[in-house]
Amino acid sequence: MSLAQAHCEACRAGAPLVSDEELAELIKQIPDWNIETRGDHMELEKVFLFRNFRHALAFTNAVGAIAEEEGHHPALLTEWGKVTVTWWSHEARGLHRNDFIMAARTDEVAKNAEGRK
């Protein structure tokens, strides 16, 4: 099963983060995402470009909808023609398999997003 077809599992404080080996394997499945270290934890981040604010906002809402379905929520920064999506597991303080699942699902949403550059 691909990451985009998988579903998130319940995550809480103390949930196991991905190991270095898992990280190396999972990132291959979402190669356009960057790993950012902020403070004491890693996050997945990607910038999506759009022709205008209306398209960027529609994409933001679509990502919000899949996040709500899974109960796993990203940081979304919506600007004119650009949306920055950042996934990490807040409770676990780092990267969990759920973050990679949601990054892959975000890429699926982006494939059909109107106004992509």
PDB file of N, CA and C in Angstrom:
ATOM      1  N   MET A   1       0.848  -1.185   0.000  1.00  0.00           N
ATOM      2  CA  MET A   1       0.000   0.000   0.000  1.00  0.00           C
ATOM      3  C   MET A   1       0.889   1.243   0.000  1.00  0.00           C
ATOM      4  N   SER A   2       0.570   2.187  -0.865  1.00  0.00           N
ATOM      5  CA  SER A   2       1.350   3.420  -0.929  1.00  0.00           C
ATOM      6  C   SER A   2       1.031   4.307   0.274  1.00  0.00           C
ATOM      7  N   LEU A   3       1.916   5.237   0.555  1.00  0.00           N
ATOM      8  CA  LEU A   3       1.684   6.166   1.663  1.00  0.00           C
ATOM      9  C   LEU A   3       0.385   6.935   1.466  1.00  0.00           C
ATOM     10  N   ALA A   4       0.098   7.345   0.237  1.00  0.00           N
ATOM     11  CA  ALA A   4      -1.096   8.145  -0.029  1.00  0.00           C
ATOM     12  C   ALA A   4      -2.392   7.375   0.214  1.00  0.00           C
ATOM     13  N   GLN A   5      -2.323   6.056   0.214  1.00  0.00           N
ATOM     14  CA  GLN A   5      -3.503   5.228   0.462  1.00  0.00           C
ATOM     15  C   GLN A   5      -3.641   4.834   1.929  1.00  0.00           C
ATOM     16  N   ALA A   6      -2.603   5.045   2.708  1.00  0.00           N
ATOM     17  CA  ALA A   6      -2.601   4.656   4.122  1.00  0.00           C
ATOM     18  C   ALA A   6      -3.393   5.661   4.954  1.00  0.00           C
ATOM     19  N   HIS A   7      -3.746   5.263   6.145  1.00  0.00           N
ATOM     20  CA  HIS A   7      -4.443   6.139   7.084  1.00  0.00           C
ATOM     21  C   HIS A   7      -3.587   6.326   8.325  1.00  0.00           C
ATOM     22  N   CYS A   8      -3.782   7.440   8.975  1.00  0.00           N
ATOM     23  CA  CYS A   8      -3.034   7.746  10.192  1.00  0.00           C
ATOM     24  C   CYS A   8      -3.512   6.888  11.351  1.00  0.00           C
ATOM     25  N   GLU A   9      -2.591   6.625  12.246  1.00  0.00           N
ATOM     26  CA  GLU A   9      -2.946   5.946  13.483  1.00  0.00           C
ATOM     27  C   GLU A   9      -2.970   6.982  14.592  1.00  0.00           C
ATOM     28  N   ALA A  10      -3.676   6.674  15.643  1.00  0.00           N
ATOM     29  CA  ALA A  10      -3.739   7.601  16.778  1.00  0.00           C
ATOM     30  C   ALA A  10      -2.326   7.854  17.292  1.00  0.00           C
ATOM     31  N   CYS A  11      -2.026   9.104  17.516  1.00  0.00           N
ATOM     32  CA  CYS A  11      -0.697   9.492  17.958  1.00  0.00           C
ATOM     33  C   CYS A  11      -0.821  10.310  19.231  1.00  0.00           C
ATOM     34  N   ARG A  12       0.057  10.073  20.174  1.00  0.00           N
ATOM     35  CA  ARG A  12       0.010  10.803  21.441  1.00  0.00           C
ATOM     36  C   ARG A  12       1.430  11.049  21.929  1.00  0.00           C
ATOM     37  N   ALA A  13       1.553  11.811  22.974  1.00  0.00           N
ATOM     38  CA  ALA A  13       2.867  12.074  23.559  1.00  0.00           C
ATOM     39  C   ALA A  13       3.547  10.741  23.844  1.00  0.00           C
ATOM     40  N   GLY A  14       4.800  10.640  23.470  1.00  0.00           N
ATOM     41  CA  GLY A  14       5.551   9.408  23.694  1.00  0.00           C
ATOM     42  C   GLY A  14       5.416   8.398  22.572  1.00  0.00           C
ATOM     43  N   ALA A  15       4.627   8.701  21.537  1.00  0.00           N
ATOM     44  CA  ALA A  15       4.501   7.792  20.391  1.00  0.00           C
ATOM     45  C   ALA A  15       5.866   7.667  19.724  1.00  0.00           C
ATOM     46  N   PRO A  16       6.166   6.502  19.176  1.00  0.00           N
ATOM     47  CA  PRO A  16       7.491   6.324  18.567  1.00  0.00           C
ATOM     48  C   PRO A  16       7.658   7.167  17.306  1.00  0.00           C
ATOM     49  N   LEU A  17       8.750   7.883  17.248  1.00  0.00           N
ATOM     50  CA  LEU A  17       9.098   8.646  16.049  1.00  0.00           C
ATOM     51  C   LEU A  17       9.762   7.702  15.060  1.00  0.00           C
ATOM     52  N   VAL A  18       9.847   8.129  13.795  1.00  0.00           N
ATOM     53  CA  VAL A  18      10.510   7.281  12.810  1.00  0.00           C
ATOM     54  C   VAL A  18      11.998   7.185  13.142  1.00  0.00           C
ATOM     55  N   SER A  19      12.548   6.003  12.914  1.00  0.00           N
ATOM     56  CA  SER A  19      13.978   5.793  13.127  1.00  0.00           C
ATOM     57  C   SER A  19      14.728   6.396  11.935  1.00  0.00           C
ATOM     58  N   ASP A  20      16.036   6.492  12.052  1.00  0.00           N
ATOM     59  CA  ASP A  20      16.849   7.009  10.950  1.00  0.00           C
ATOM     60  C   ASP A  20      16.670   6.148   9.700  1.00  0.00           C
ATOM     61  N   GLU A  21      16.572   4.825   9.884  1.00  0.00           N
ATOM     62  CA  GLU A  21      16.382   3.915   8.757  1.00  0.00           C
ATOM     63  C   GLU A  21      15.011   4.129   8.113  1.00  0.00           C
ATOM     64  N   GLU A  22      13.970   4.255   8.928  1.00  0.00           N
ATOM     65  CA  GLU A  22      12.621   4.513   8.404  1.00  0.00           C
ATOM     66  C   GLU A  22      12.580   5.860   7.693  1.00  0.00           C
ATOM     67  N   LEU A  23      13.218   6.855   8.277  1.00  0.00           N
ATOM     68  CA  LEU A  23      13.258   8.186   7.680  1.00  0.00           C
ATOM     69  C   LEU A  23      13.859   8.127   6.285  1.00  0.00           C
ATOM     70  N   ALA A  24      14.976   7.426   6.136  1.00  0.00           N
ATOM     71  CA  ALA A  24      15.648   7.311   4.839  1.00  0.00           C
ATOM     72  C   ALA A  24      14.747   6.632   3.816  1.00  0.00           C
ATOM     73  N   GLU A  25      13.993   5.649   4.234  1.00  0.00           N
ATOM     74  CA  GLU A  25      13.096   4.926   3.320  1.00  0.00           C
ATOM     75  C   GLU A  25      11.843   5.739   2.993  1.00  0.00           C
ATOM     76  N   LEU A  26      11.241   6.350   3.984  1.00  0.00           N
ATOM     77  CA  LEU A  26       9.999   7.093   3.774  1.00  0.00           C
ATOM     78  C   LEU A  26      10.194   8.347   2.933  1.00  0.00           C
ATOM     79  N   ILE A  27      11.317   9.039   3.125  1.00  0.00           N
ATOM     80  CA  ILE A  27      11.539  10.284   2.390  1.00  0.00           C
ATOM     81  C   ILE A  27      11.686  10.003   0.888  1.00  0.00           C
ATOM     82  N   LYS A  28      12.106   8.806   0.521  1.00  0.00           N
ATOM     83  CA  LYS A  28      12.202   8.429  -0.892  1.00  0.00           C
ATOM     84  C   LYS A  28      10.822   8.440  -1.560  1.00  0.00           C
ATOM     85  N   GLN A  29       9.783   8.215  -0.773  1.00  0.00           N
ATOM     86  CA  GLN A  29       8.428   8.161  -1.310  1.00  0.00           C
ATOM     87  C   GLN A  29       7.804   9.551  -1.468  1.00  0.00           C
ATOM     88  N   ILE A  30       8.415  10.549  -0.879  1.00  0.00           N
ATOM     89  CA  ILE A  30       7.952  11.941  -1.007  1.00  0.00           C
ATOM     90  C   ILE A  30       9.176  12.825  -1.279  1.00  0.00           C
ATOM     91  N   PRO A  31       9.854  12.607  -2.403  1.00  0.00           N
ATOM     92  CA  PRO A  31      11.170  13.223  -2.638  1.00  0.00           C
ATOM     93  C   PRO A  31      11.190  14.740  -2.732  1.00  0.00           C
ATOM     94  N   ASP A  32      10.063  15.366  -2.987  1.00  0.00           N
ATOM     95  CA  ASP A  32      10.054  16.826  -3.109  1.00  0.00           C
ATOM     96  C   ASP A  32       9.863  17.544  -1.781  1.00  0.00           C
ATOM     97  N   TRP A  33       9.716  16.797  -0.708  1.00  0.00           N
ATOM     98  CA  TRP A  33       9.548  17.393   0.618  1.00  0.00           C
ATOM     99  C   TRP A  33      10.920  17.587   1.261  1.00  0.00           C
ATOM    100  N   ASN A  34      11.034  18.644   2.038  1.00  0.00           N
ATOM    101  CA  ASN A  34      12.273  18.934   2.768  1.00  0.00           C
ATOM    102  C   ASN A  34      12.103  18.584   4.234  1.00  0.00           C
ATOM    103  N   ILE A  35      13.189  18.142   4.828  1.00  0.00           N
ATOM    104  CA  ILE A  35      13.208  17.921   6.274  1.00  0.00           C
ATOM    105  C   ILE A  35      13.827  19.164   6.895  1.00  0.00           C
ATOM    106  N   GLU A  36      13.068  19.805   7.750  1.00  0.00           N
ATOM    107  CA  GLU A  36      13.528  21.006   8.449  1.00  0.00           C
ATOM    108  C   GLU A  36      13.655  20.685   9.933  1.00  0.00           C
ATOM    109  N   THR A  37      14.737  21.130  10.544  1.00  0.00           N
ATOM    110  CA  THR A  37      14.890  20.974  11.993  1.00  0.00           C
ATOM    111  C   THR A  37      14.574  22.311  12.630  1.00  0.00           C
ATOM    112  N   ARG A  38      13.596  22.286  13.518  1.00  0.00           N
ATOM    113  CA  ARG A  38      13.181  23.493  14.223  1.00  0.00           C
ATOM    114  C   ARG A  38      13.213  23.191  15.722  1.00  0.00           C
ATOM    115  N   GLY A  39      14.035  23.923  16.415  1.00  0.00           N
ATOM    116  CA  GLY A  39      14.160  23.661  17.846  1.00  0.00           C
ATOM    117  C   GLY A  39      14.695  22.257  18.061  1.00  0.00           C
ATOM    118  N   ASP A  40      13.915  21.451  18.764  1.00  0.00           N
ATOM    119  CA  ASP A  40      14.364  20.109  19.112  1.00  0.00           C
ATOM    120  C   ASP A  40      13.705  19.010  18.273  1.00  0.00           C
ATOM    121  N   HIS A  41      13.084  19.381  17.149  1.00  0.00           N
ATOM    122  CA  HIS A  41      12.388  18.356  16.368  1.00  0.00           C
ATOM    123  C   HIS A  41      12.485  18.609  14.867  1.00  0.00           C
ATOM    124  N   MET A  42      12.229  17.545  14.096  1.00  0.00           N
ATOM    125  CA  MET A  42      12.222  17.632  12.639  1.00  0.00           C
ATOM    126  C   MET A  42      10.785  17.782  12.143  1.00  0.00           C
ATOM    127  N   GLU A  43      10.657  18.438  10.996  1.00  0.00           N
ATOM    128  CA  GLU A  43       9.363  18.638  10.351  1.00  0.00           C
ATOM    129  C   GLU A  43       9.527  18.402   8.854  1.00  0.00           C
ATOM    130  N   LEU A  44       8.435  18.017   8.186  1.00  0.00           N
ATOM    131  CA  LEU A  44       8.406  17.909   6.729  1.00  0.00           C
ATOM    132  C   LEU A  44       7.786  19.179   6.178  1.00  0.00           C
ATOM    133  N   GLU A  45       8.388  19.739   5.131  1.00  0.00           N
ATOM    134  CA  GLU A  45       7.863  20.987   4.596  1.00  0.00           C
ATOM    135  C   GLU A  45       7.988  21.018   3.073  1.00  0.00           C
ATOM    136  N   LYS A  46       6.973  21.607   2.443  1.00  0.00           N
ATOM    137  CA  LYS A  46       6.979  21.774   0.993  1.00  0.00           C
ATOM    138  C   LYS A  46       6.196  23.024   0.633  1.00  0.00           C
ATOM    139  N   VAL A  47       6.674  23.726  -0.389  1.00  0.00           N
ATOM    140  CA  VAL A  47       6.007  24.923  -0.896  1.00  0.00           C
ATOM    141  C   VAL A  47       5.315  24.559  -2.208  1.00  0.00           C
ATOM    142  N   PHE A  48       4.053  24.925  -2.311  1.00  0.00           N
ATOM    143  CA  PHE A  48       3.252  24.710  -3.514  1.00  0.00           C
ATOM    144  C   PHE A  48       2.947  26.070  -4.120  1.00  0.00           C
ATOM    145  N   LEU A  49       3.180  26.206  -5.421  1.00  0.00           N
ATOM    146  CA  LEU A  49       2.980  27.487  -6.096  1.00  0.00           C
ATOM    147  C   LEU A  49       1.696  27.472  -6.926  1.00  0.00           C
ATOM    148  N   PHE A  50       1.007  28.621  -6.935  1.00  0.00           N
ATOM    149  CA  PHE A  50      -0.268  28.773  -7.634  1.00  0.00           C
ATOM    150  C   PHE A  50      -0.273  30.077  -8.416  1.00  0.00           C
ATOM    151  N   ARG A  51      -1.223  30.198  -9.349  1.00  0.00           N
ATOM    152  CA  ARG A  51      -1.316  31.386 -10.192  1.00  0.00           C
ATOM    153  C   ARG A  51      -1.854  32.599  -9.457  1.00  0.00           C
ATOM    154  N   ASN A  52      -2.598  32.385  -8.358  1.00  0.00           N
ATOM    155  CA  ASN A  52      -3.167  33.524  -7.641  1.00  0.00           C
ATOM    156  C   ASN A  52      -3.574  33.100  -6.229  1.00  0.00           C
ATOM    157  N   PHE A  53      -4.099  34.037  -5.487  1.00  0.00           N
ATOM    158  CA  PHE A  53      -4.487  33.776  -4.108  1.00  0.00           C
ATOM    159  C   PHE A  53      -5.696  32.843  -4.032  1.00  0.00           C
ATOM    160  N   ARG A  54      -6.645  33.007  -4.933  1.00  0.00           N
ATOM    161  CA  ARG A  54      -7.850  32.174  -4.916  1.00  0.00           C
ATOM    162  C   ARG A  54      -7.502  30.695  -5.041  1.00  0.00           C
ATOM    163  N   HIS A  55      -6.591  30.363  -5.944  1.00  0.00           N
ATOM    164  CA  HIS A  55      -6.164  28.968  -6.110  1.00  0.00           C
ATOM    165  C   HIS A  55      -5.391  28.479  -4.883  1.00  0.00           C
ATOM    166  N   ALA A  56      -4.546  29.326  -4.340  1.00  0.00           N
ATOM    167  CA  ALA A  56      -3.791  28.960  -3.135  1.00  0.00           C
ATOM    168  C   ALA A  56      -4.733  28.693  -1.971  1.00  0.00           C
ATOM    169  N   LEU A  57      -5.743  29.529  -1.823  1.00  0.00           N
ATOM    170  CA  LEU A  57      -6.704  29.355  -0.732  1.00  0.00           C
ATOM    171  C   LEU A  57      -7.527  28.090  -0.916  1.00  0.00           C
ATOM    172  N   ALA A  58      -7.923  27.782  -2.149  1.00  0.00           N
ATOM    173  CA  ALA A  58      -8.679  26.551  -2.408  1.00  0.00           C
ATOM    174  C   ALA A  58      -7.844  25.327  -2.046  1.00  0.00           C
ATOM    175  N   PHE A  59      -6.557  25.352  -2.373  1.00  0.00           N
ATOM    176  CA  PHE A  59      -5.662  24.248  -2.013  1.00  0.00           C
ATOM    177  C   PHE A  59      -5.529  24.142  -0.497  1.00  0.00           C
ATOM    178  N   THR A  60      -5.373  25.277   0.165  1.00  0.00           N
ATOM    179  CA  THR A  60      -5.282  25.285   1.628  1.00  0.00           C
ATOM    180  C   THR A  60      -6.513  24.613   2.238  1.00  0.00           C
ATOM    181  N   ASN A  61      -7.682  24.947   1.733  1.00  0.00           N
ATOM    182  CA  ASN A  61      -8.921  24.355   2.245  1.00  0.00           C
ATOM    183  C   ASN A  61      -8.996  22.864   1.960  1.00  0.00           C
ATOM    184  N   ALA A  62      -8.510  22.434   0.798  1.00  0.00           N
ATOM    185  CA  ALA A  62      -8.515  21.005   0.460  1.00  0.00           C
ATOM    186  C   ALA A  62      -7.571  20.226   1.375  1.00  0.00           C
ATOM    187  N   VAL A  63      -6.408  20.793   1.659  1.00  0.00           N
ATOM    188  CA  VAL A  63      -5.473  20.136   2.592  1.00  0.00           C
ATOM    189  C   VAL A  63      -6.091  20.113   3.993  1.00  0.00           C
ATOM    190  N   GLY A  64      -6.743  21.196   4.371  1.00  0.00           N
ATOM    191  CA  GLY A  64      -7.427  21.227   5.668  1.00  0.00           C
ATOM    192  C   GLY A  64      -8.493  20.143   5.781  1.00  0.00           C
ATOM    193  N   ALA A  65      -9.185  19.874   4.688  1.00  0.00           N
ATOM    194  CA  ALA A  65     -10.229  18.846   4.703  1.00  0.00           C
ATOM    195  C   ALA A  65      -9.645  17.452   4.921  1.00  0.00           C
ATOM    196  N   ILE A  66      -8.535  17.125   4.240  1.00  0.00           N
ATOM    197  CA  ILE A  66      -7.954  15.789   4.454  1.00  0.00           C
ATOM    198  C   ILE A  66      -7.339  15.681   5.844  1.00  0.00           C
ATOM    199  N   ALA A  67      -6.819  16.797   6.344  1.00  0.00           N
ATOM    200  CA  ALA A  67      -6.261  16.807   7.701  1.00  0.00           C
ATOM    201  C   ALA A  67      -7.357  16.520   8.728  1.00  0.00           C
ATOM    202  N   GLU A  68      -8.495  17.153   8.535  1.00  0.00           N
ATOM    203  CA  GLU A  68      -9.606  16.968   9.467  1.00  0.00           C
ATOM    204  C   GLU A  68     -10.121  15.530   9.423  1.00  0.00           C
ATOM    205  N   GLU A  69     -10.177  14.936   8.227  1.00  0.00           N
ATOM    206  CA  GLU A  69     -10.606  13.533   8.092  1.00  0.00           C
ATOM    207  C   GLU A  69      -9.720  12.591   8.894  1.00  0.00           C
ATOM    208  N   GLU A  70      -8.422  12.867   8.900  1.00  0.00           N
ATOM    209  CA  GLU A  70      -7.471  11.984   9.582  1.00  0.00           C
ATOM    210  C   GLU A  70      -7.183  12.400  11.019  1.00  0.00           C
ATOM    211  N   GLY A  71      -7.632  13.584  11.407  1.00  0.00           N
ATOM    212  CA  GLY A  71      -7.340  14.050  12.759  1.00  0.00           C
ATOM    213  C   GLY A  71      -5.872  14.375  12.961  1.00  0.00           C
ATOM    214  N   HIS A  72      -5.211  14.770  11.876  1.00  0.00           N
ATOM    215  CA  HIS A  72      -3.781  15.104  11.932  1.00  0.00           C
ATOM    216  C   HIS A  72      -3.613  16.388  11.142  1.00  0.00           C
ATOM    217  N   HIS A  73      -3.134  17.443  11.781  1.00  0.00           N
ATOM    218  CA  HIS A  73      -3.217  18.786  11.216  1.00  0.00           C
ATOM    219  C   HIS A  73      -1.854  19.422  11.000  1.00  0.00           C
ATOM    220  N   PRO A  74      -1.654  20.030   9.823  1.00  0.00           N
ATOM    221  CA  PRO A  74      -0.381  20.673   9.514  1.00  0.00           C
ATOM    222  C   PRO A  74      -0.385  22.151   9.876  1.00  0.00           C
ATOM    223  N   ALA A  75       0.763  22.749   9.734  1.00  0.00           N
ATOM    224  CA  ALA A  75       0.849  24.208   9.702  1.00  0.00           C
ATOM    225  C   ALA A  75       0.676  24.581   8.241  1.00  0.00           C
ATOM    226  N   LEU A  76      -0.205  25.534   7.976  1.00  0.00           N
ATOM    227  CA  LEU A  76      -0.477  25.989   6.608  1.00  0.00           C
ATOM    228  C   LEU A  76      -0.269  27.492   6.544  1.00  0.00           C
ATOM    229  N   LEU A  77       0.638  27.914   5.689  1.00  0.00           N
ATOM    230  CA  LEU A  77       0.872  29.337   5.472  1.00  0.00           C
ATOM    231  C   LEU A  77       0.420  29.649   4.052  1.00  0.00           C
ATOM    232  N   THR A  78      -0.663  30.395   3.934  1.00  0.00           N
ATOM    233  CA  THR A  78      -1.228  30.735   2.632  1.00  0.00           C
ATOM    234  C   THR A  78      -0.888  32.180   2.303  1.00  0.00           C
ATOM    235  N   GLU A  79      -0.245  32.367   1.151  1.00  0.00           N
ATOM    236  CA  GLU A  79       0.140  33.686   0.676  1.00  0.00           C
ATOM    237  C   GLU A  79      -0.343  33.823  -0.760  1.00  0.00           C
ATOM    238  N   TRP A  80      -0.174  34.996  -1.344  1.00  0.00           N
ATOM    239  CA  TRP A  80      -0.555  35.167  -2.736  1.00  0.00           C
ATOM    240  C   TRP A  80       0.285  34.220  -3.583  1.00  0.00           C
ATOM    241  N   GLY A  81      -0.390  33.249  -4.226  1.00  0.00           N
ATOM    242  CA  GLY A  81       0.281  32.340  -5.141  1.00  0.00           C
ATOM    243  C   GLY A  81       1.155  31.281  -4.510  1.00  0.00           C
ATOM    244  N   LYS A  82       1.053  31.102  -3.206  1.00  0.00           N
ATOM    245  CA  LYS A  82       1.962  30.158  -2.547  1.00  0.00           C
ATOM    246  C   LYS A  82       1.337  29.617  -1.275  1.00  0.00           C
ATOM    247  N   VAL A  83       1.513  28.299  -1.060  1.00  0.00           N
ATOM    248  CA  VAL A  83       1.096  27.674   0.194  1.00  0.00           C
ATOM    249  C   VAL A  83       2.272  26.838   0.703  1.00  0.00           C
ATOM    250  N   THR A  84       2.670  27.086   1.934  1.00  0.00           N
ATOM    251  CA  THR A  84       3.700  26.287   2.582  1.00  0.00           C
ATOM    252  C   THR A  84       2.997  25.338   3.537  1.00  0.00           C
ATOM    253  N   VAL A  85       3.244  24.033   3.336  1.00  0.00           N
ATOM    254  CA  VAL A  85       2.618  22.998   4.165  1.00  0.00           C
ATOM    255  C   VAL A  85       3.719  22.360   5.007  1.00  0.00           C
ATOM    256  N   THR A  86       3.496  22.286   6.308  1.00  0.00           N
ATOM    257  CA  THR A  86       4.474  21.703   7.228  1.00  0.00           C
ATOM    258  C   THR A  86       3.784  20.656   8.092  1.00  0.00           C
ATOM    259  N   TRP A  87       4.305  19.436   8.033  1.00  0.00           N
ATOM    260  CA  TRP A  87       3.767  18.322   8.824  1.00  0.00           C
ATOM    261  C   TRP A  87       4.774  17.899   9.880  1.00  0.00           C
ATOM    262  N   TRP A  88       4.304  17.686  11.083  1.00  0.00           N
ATOM    263  CA  TRP A  88       5.062  17.042  12.159  1.00  0.00           C
ATOM    264  C   TRP A  88       4.054  16.654  13.221  1.00  0.00           C
ATOM    265  N   SER A  89       4.442  15.732  14.052  1.00  0.00           N
ATOM    266  CA  SER A  89       3.535  15.256  15.103  1.00  0.00           C
ATOM    267  C   SER A  89       3.794  16.052  16.368  1.00  0.00           C
ATOM    268  N   HIS A  90       2.873  16.957  16.639  1.00  0.00           N
ATOM    269  CA  HIS A  90       3.020  17.871  17.770  1.00  0.00           C
ATOM    270  C   HIS A  90       3.166  17.121  19.092  1.00  0.00           C
ATOM    271  N   GLU A  91       2.283  16.172  19.322  1.00  0.00           N
ATOM    272  CA  GLU A  91       2.297  15.435  20.590  1.00  0.00           C
ATOM    273  C   GLU A  91       3.577  14.612  20.767  1.00  0.00           C
ATOM    274  N   ALA A  92       4.044  14.008  19.670  1.00  0.00           N
ATOM    275  CA  ALA A  92       5.235  13.157  19.742  1.00  0.00           C
ATOM    276  C   ALA A  92       6.531  13.962  19.631  1.00  0.00           C
ATOM    277  N   ARG A  93       6.413  15.258  19.252  1.00  0.00           N
ATOM    278  CA  ARG A  93       7.553  16.167  19.118  1.00  0.00           C
ATOM    279  C   ARG A  93       8.545  15.689  18.065  1.00  0.00           C
ATOM    280  N   GLY A  94       8.040  15.428  16.853  1.00  0.00           N
ATOM    281  CA  GLY A  94       8.933  15.050  15.768  1.00  0.00           C
ATOM    282  C   GLY A  94       8.180  14.383  14.640  1.00  0.00           C
ATOM    283  N   LEU A  95       8.912  13.600  13.853  1.00  0.00           N
ATOM    284  CA  LEU A  95       8.321  12.948  12.694  1.00  0.00           C
ATOM    285  C   LEU A  95       7.850  11.536  13.012  1.00  0.00           C
ATOM    286  N   HIS A  96       6.600  11.314  12.745  1.00  0.00           N
ATOM    287  CA  HIS A  96       5.932  10.026  12.911  1.00  0.00           C
ATOM    288  C   HIS A  96       5.542   9.563  11.511  1.00  0.00           C
ATOM    289  N   ARG A  97       5.279   8.312  11.335  1.00  0.00           N
ATOM    290  CA  ARG A  97       4.840   7.792  10.029  1.00  0.00           C
ATOM    291  C   ARG A  97       3.627   8.576   9.510  1.00  0.00           C
ATOM    292  N   ASN A  98       2.753   9.017  10.408  1.00  0.00           N
ATOM    293  CA  ASN A  98       1.580   9.800  10.008  1.00  0.00           C
ATOM    294  C   ASN A  98       1.955  11.016   9.161  1.00  0.00           C
ATOM    295  N   ASP A  99       3.059  11.654   9.490  1.00  0.00           N
ATOM    296  CA  ASP A  99       3.477  12.851   8.766  1.00  0.00           C
ATOM    297  C   ASP A  99       3.815  12.538   7.310  1.00  0.00           C
ATOM    298  N   PHE A 100       4.416  11.401   7.082  1.00  0.00           N
ATOM    299  CA  PHE A 100       4.756  10.983   5.727  1.00  0.00           C
ATOM    300  C   PHE A 100       3.495  10.588   4.954  1.00  0.00           C
ATOM    301  N   ILE A 101       2.571   9.948   5.630  1.00  0.00           N
ATOM    302  CA  ILE A 101       1.280   9.614   5.015  1.00  0.00           C
ATOM    303  C   ILE A 101       0.584  10.894   4.568  1.00  0.00           C
ATOM    304  N   MET A 102       0.536  11.878   5.442  1.00  0.00           N
ATOM    305  CA  MET A 102      -0.172  13.107   5.114  1.00  0.00           C
ATOM    306  C   MET A 102       0.569  13.942   4.067  1.00  0.00           C
ATOM    307  N   ALA A 103       1.887  13.877   4.053  1.00  0.00           N
ATOM    308  CA  ALA A 103       2.640  14.563   2.999  1.00  0.00           C
ATOM    309  C   ALA A 103       2.307  13.940   1.643  1.00  0.00           C
ATOM    310  N   ALA A 104       2.262  12.617   1.583  1.00  0.00           N
ATOM    311  CA  ALA A 104       1.911  11.932   0.334  1.00  0.00           C
ATOM    312  C   ALA A 104       0.483  12.259  -0.080  1.00  0.00           C
ATOM    313  N   ARG A 105      -0.412  12.330   0.880  1.00  0.00           N
ATOM    314  CA  ARG A 105      -1.802  12.674   0.563  1.00  0.00           C
ATOM    315  C   ARG A 105      -1.912  14.129   0.122  1.00  0.00           C
ATOM    316  N   THR A 106      -1.091  15.005   0.667  1.00  0.00           N
ATOM    317  CA  THR A 106      -1.052  16.394   0.235  1.00  0.00           C
ATOM    318  C   THR A 106      -0.612  16.472  -1.224  1.00  0.00           C
ATOM    319  N   ASP A 107       0.394  15.673  -1.592  1.00  0.00           N
ATOM    320  CA  ASP A 107       0.832  15.635  -2.984  1.00  0.00           C
ATOM    321  C   ASP A 107      -0.290  15.176  -3.909  1.00  0.00           C
ATOM    322  N   GLU A 108      -1.110  14.238  -3.449  1.00  0.00           N
ATOM    323  CA  GLU A 108      -2.247  13.772  -4.249  1.00  0.00           C
ATOM    324  C   GLU A 108      -3.265  14.893  -4.449  1.00  0.00           C
ATOM    325  N   VAL A 109      -3.535  15.646  -3.395  1.00  0.00           N
ATOM    326  CA  VAL A 109      -4.440  16.792  -3.513  1.00  0.00           C
ATOM    327  C   VAL A 109      -3.872  17.799  -4.516  1.00  0.00           C
ATOM    328  N   ALA A 110      -2.564  18.009  -4.452  1.00  0.00           N
ATOM    329  CA  ALA A 110      -1.914  18.993  -5.325  1.00  0.00           C
ATOM    330  C   ALA A 110      -2.004  18.596  -6.799  1.00  0.00           C
ATOM    331  N   LYS A 111      -2.013  17.306  -7.090  1.00  0.00           N
ATOM    332  CA  LYS A 111      -2.089  16.856  -8.483  1.00  0.00           C
ATOM    333  C   LYS A 111      -3.348  17.377  -9.177  1.00  0.00           C
ATOM    334  N   ASN A 112      -4.431  17.493  -8.429  1.00  0.00           N
ATOM    335  CA  ASN A 112      -5.701  17.922  -8.999  1.00  0.00           C
ATOM    336  C   ASN A 112      -6.048  19.374  -8.671  1.00  0.00           C
ATOM    337  N   ALA A 113      -5.133  20.068  -8.049  1.00  0.00           N
ATOM    338  CA  ALA A 113      -5.413  21.446  -7.633  1.00  0.00           C
ATOM    339  C   ALA A 113      -5.416  22.386  -8.834  1.00  0.00           C
ATOM    340  N   GLU A 114      -6.433  23.188  -8.901  1.00  0.00           N
ATOM    341  CA  GLU A 114      -6.547  24.167  -9.974  1.00  0.00           C
ATOM    342  C   GLU A 114      -5.521  25.277  -9.787  1.00  0.00           C
ATOM    343  N   GLY A 115      -4.942  25.731 -10.871  1.00  0.00           N
ATOM    344  CA  GLY A 115      -4.056  26.892 -10.819  1.00  0.00           C
ATOM    345  C   GLY A 115      -2.640  26.623 -10.369  1.00  0.00           C
ATOM    346  N   ARG A 116      -2.217  25.347 -10.353  1.00  0.00           N
ATOM    347  CA  ARG A 116      -0.839  25.035  -9.956  1.00  0.00           C
ATOM    348  C   ARG A 116       0.146  25.561 -10.971  1.00  0.00           C
ATOM    349  N   LYS A 117       1.253  26.055 -10.481  1.00  0.00           N
ATOM    350  CA  LYS A 117       2.358  26.474 -11.352  1.00  0.00           C
ATOM    351  C   LYS A 117       3.333  25.338 -11.477  1.00  0.00           C
TER     352      LYS A 117
END
